[in-house]
Amino acid sequence: MDAFQQHMLDAYHAARRGESAPPAPGAGDLRAMREVRQWREFMAVVDERAAARRARRAALTRFLRPRAGAVADGRAPGRRARSGVGHRLLPSGLPRAGRRA
């Protein structure tokens, strides 16, 4: 028995009992498709926000807890220090503009 035959049987039984007939098969399909599309759009927004939160949390974790092999001065392993004497201070001993000593 297909959906249409089942609907006809249910409508017949409802009419004999004096009840209203059930909705026809496929009557709510468009509404259901719209709701599914709306749900997917909502989940895309939520997932994007969750991904952004995970990325921020990972960056904060990397900042607060450096890897085990990190050098004591905060540089990553294998990264060279700047060459030259006084790379943070001008010859006069004052810090460069825009940088904090």
C-alpha atoms as a PDB file:
ATOM      1  CA  MET A   1       0.000   0.000   0.000  1.00  0.00           C
ATOM      2  CA  ASP A   2       1.433   3.355  -0.956  1.00  0.00           C
ATOM      3  CA  ALA A   3       1.041   6.665   0.904  1.00  0.00           C
ATOM      4  CA  PHE A   4      -1.967   7.807  -1.126  1.00  0.00           C
ATOM      5  CA  GLN A   5      -3.906   4.573  -0.470  1.00  0.00           C
ATOM      6  CA  GLN A   6      -3.085   4.801   3.231  1.00  0.00           C
ATOM      7  CA  HIS A   7      -4.328   8.387   3.256  1.00  0.00           C
ATOM      8  CA  MET A   8      -7.615   7.352   1.604  1.00  0.00           C
ATOM      9  CA  LEU A   9      -8.085   4.615   4.208  1.00  0.00           C
ATOM     10  CA  ASP A  10      -7.315   7.015   7.072  1.00  0.00           C
ATOM     11  CA  ALA A  11      -9.714   9.610   5.607  1.00  0.00           C
ATOM     12  CA  TYR A  12     -12.456   6.972   5.358  1.00  0.00           C
ATOM     13  CA  HIS A  13     -11.976   5.916   8.995  1.00  0.00           C
ATOM     14  CA  ALA A  14     -11.917   9.562  10.130  1.00  0.00           C
ATOM     15  CA  ALA A  15     -15.172  10.273   8.238  1.00  0.00           C
ATOM     16  CA  ARG A  16     -16.898   7.274   9.860  1.00  0.00           C
ATOM     17  CA  ARG A  17     -15.842   8.527  13.320  1.00  0.00           C
ATOM     18  CA  GLY A  18     -16.825  12.114  12.572  1.00  0.00           C
ATOM     19  CA  GLU A  19     -13.243  13.386  12.860  1.00  0.00           C
ATOM     20  CA  SER A  20     -11.393  15.658  10.488  1.00  0.00           C
ATOM     21  CA  ALA A  21      -9.403  14.034   7.707  1.00  0.00           C
ATOM     22  CA  PRO A  22      -5.613  13.845   8.026  1.00  0.00           C
ATOM     23  CA  PRO A  23      -3.542  16.090   5.768  1.00  0.00           C
ATOM     24  CA  ALA A  24      -2.868  14.780   2.293  1.00  0.00           C
ATOM     25  CA  PRO A  25       0.525  13.233   1.627  1.00  0.00           C
ATOM     26  CA  GLY A  26       3.015  15.843   0.490  1.00  0.00           C
ATOM     27  CA  ALA A  27       0.974  18.764   1.855  1.00  0.00           C
ATOM     28  CA  GLY A  28       3.736  19.796   4.268  1.00  0.00           C
ATOM     29  CA  ASP A  29       6.695  18.970   2.040  1.00  0.00           C
ATOM     30  CA  LEU A  30       7.484  22.549   1.021  1.00  0.00           C
ATOM     31  CA  ARG A  31       7.221  23.760   4.602  1.00  0.00           C
ATOM     32  CA  ALA A  32       9.477  20.931   5.780  1.00  0.00           C
ATOM     33  CA  MET A  33      12.042  21.726   3.074  1.00  0.00           C
ATOM     34  CA  ARG A  34      12.027  25.410   4.076  1.00  0.00           C
ATOM     35  CA  GLU A  35      12.508  24.485   7.724  1.00  0.00           C
ATOM     36  CA  VAL A  36      15.405  22.156   6.882  1.00  0.00           C
ATOM     37  CA  ARG A  37      17.060  24.898   4.805  1.00  0.00           C
ATOM     38  CA  GLN A  38      16.551  27.410   7.610  1.00  0.00           C
ATOM     39  CA  TRP A  39      18.018  24.935  10.130  1.00  0.00           C
ATOM     40  CA  ARG A  40      21.087  24.357   7.946  1.00  0.00           C
ATOM     41  CA  GLU A  41      21.655  28.110   7.587  1.00  0.00           C
ATOM     42  CA  PHE A  42      21.350  28.511  11.357  1.00  0.00           C
ATOM     43  CA  MET A  43      23.797  25.664  12.009  1.00  0.00           C
ATOM     44  CA  ALA A  44      26.283  27.178   9.535  1.00  0.00           C
ATOM     45  CA  VAL A  45      26.271  30.417  11.536  1.00  0.00           C
ATOM     46  CA  VAL A  46      26.585  28.582  14.848  1.00  0.00           C
ATOM     47  CA  ASP A  47      29.375  26.358  13.524  1.00  0.00           C
ATOM     48  CA  GLU A  48      31.248  29.369  12.145  1.00  0.00           C
ATOM     49  CA  ARG A  49      31.063  31.076  15.530  1.00  0.00           C
ATOM     50  CA  ALA A  50      32.116  27.871  17.262  1.00  0.00           C
ATOM     51  CA  ALA A  51      35.074  27.512  14.877  1.00  0.00           C
ATOM     52  CA  ALA A  52      36.102  31.094  15.587  1.00  0.00           C
ATOM     53  CA  ARG A  53      35.862  30.445  19.335  1.00  0.00           C
ATOM     54  CA  ARG A  54      37.969  27.290  18.981  1.00  0.00           C
ATOM     55  CA  ALA A  55      40.606  29.215  17.002  1.00  0.00           C
ATOM     56  CA  ARG A  56      40.743  31.996  19.612  1.00  0.00           C
ATOM     57  CA  ARG A  57      40.954  29.448  22.423  1.00  0.00           C
ATOM     58  CA  ALA A  58      43.770  27.581  20.644  1.00  0.00           C
ATOM     59  CA  ALA A  59      45.699  30.825  20.085  1.00  0.00           C
ATOM     60  CA  LEU A  60      45.287  31.789  23.730  1.00  0.00           C
ATOM     61  CA  THR A  61      46.406  28.339  24.836  1.00  0.00           C
ATOM     62  CA  ARG A  62      49.501  28.545  22.619  1.00  0.00           C
ATOM     63  CA  PHE A  63      50.257  31.975  24.053  1.00  0.00           C
ATOM     64  CA  LEU A  64      49.784  30.980  27.696  1.00  0.00           C
ATOM     65  CA  ARG A  65      51.380  27.533  27.454  1.00  0.00           C
ATOM     66  CA  PRO A  66      54.263  27.479  24.981  1.00  0.00           C
ATOM     67  CA  ARG A  67      55.413  24.172  23.565  1.00  0.00           C
ATOM     68  CA  ALA A  68      57.791  22.047  25.610  1.00  0.00           C
ATOM     69  CA  GLY A  69      60.778  22.821  23.362  1.00  0.00           C
ATOM     70  CA  ALA A  70      60.382  26.602  23.483  1.00  0.00           C
ATOM     71  CA  VAL A  71      63.417  28.672  24.416  1.00  0.00           C
ATOM     72  CA  ALA A  72      63.347  30.437  27.782  1.00  0.00           C
ATOM     73  CA  ASP A  73      63.245  33.934  26.241  1.00  0.00           C
ATOM     74  CA  GLY A  74      59.914  33.164  24.560  1.00  0.00           C
ATOM     75  CA  ARG A  75      61.184  32.554  21.037  1.00  0.00           C
ATOM     76  CA  ALA A  76      60.178  29.405  19.227  1.00  0.00           C
ATOM     77  CA  PRO A  77      62.886  26.763  18.801  1.00  0.00           C
ATOM     78  CA  GLY A  78      65.052  27.303  15.750  1.00  0.00           C
ATOM     79  CA  ARG A  79      64.204  30.978  15.454  1.00  0.00           C
ATOM     80  CA  ARG A  80      67.175  33.295  15.320  1.00  0.00           C
ATOM     81  CA  ALA A  81      67.551  36.409  17.409  1.00  0.00           C
ATOM     82  CA  ARG A  82      67.908  39.727  15.619  1.00  0.00           C
ATOM     83  CA  SER A  83      71.432  40.462  14.653  1.00  0.00           C
ATOM     84  CA  GLY A  84      73.196  43.657  15.588  1.00  0.00           C
ATOM     85  CA  VAL A  85      73.980  45.370  18.838  1.00  0.00           C
ATOM     86  CA  GLY A  86      71.235  47.359  20.472  1.00  0.00           C
ATOM     87  CA  HIS A  87      68.416  46.185  18.277  1.00  0.00           C
ATOM     88  CA  ARG A  88      65.912  47.416  20.879  1.00  0.00           C
ATOM     89  CA  LEU A  89      67.560  50.690  21.851  1.00  0.00           C
ATOM     90  CA  LEU A  90      68.820  53.610  19.869  1.00  0.00           C
ATOM     91  CA  PRO A  91      72.481  54.576  20.362  1.00  0.00           C
ATOM     92  CA  SER A  92      71.335  57.271  22.781  1.00  0.00           C
ATOM     93  CA  GLY A  93      69.771  54.608  25.021  1.00  0.00           C
ATOM     94  CA  LEU A  94      66.156  55.675  24.346  1.00  0.00           C
ATOM     95  CA  PRO A  95      63.667  53.090  23.104  1.00  0.00           C
ATOM     96  CA  ARG A  96      62.584  53.235  19.460  1.00  0.00           C
ATOM     97  CA  ALA A  97      59.292  54.932  18.689  1.00  0.00           C
ATOM     98  CA  GLY A  98      56.345  52.523  18.793  1.00  0.00           C
ATOM     99  CA  ARG A  99      58.191  49.877  20.779  1.00  0.00           C
ATOM    100  CA  ARG A 100      58.280  49.295  24.449  1.00  0.00           C
ATOM    101  CA  ALA A 101      61.535  48.364  26.108  1.00  0.00           C
END
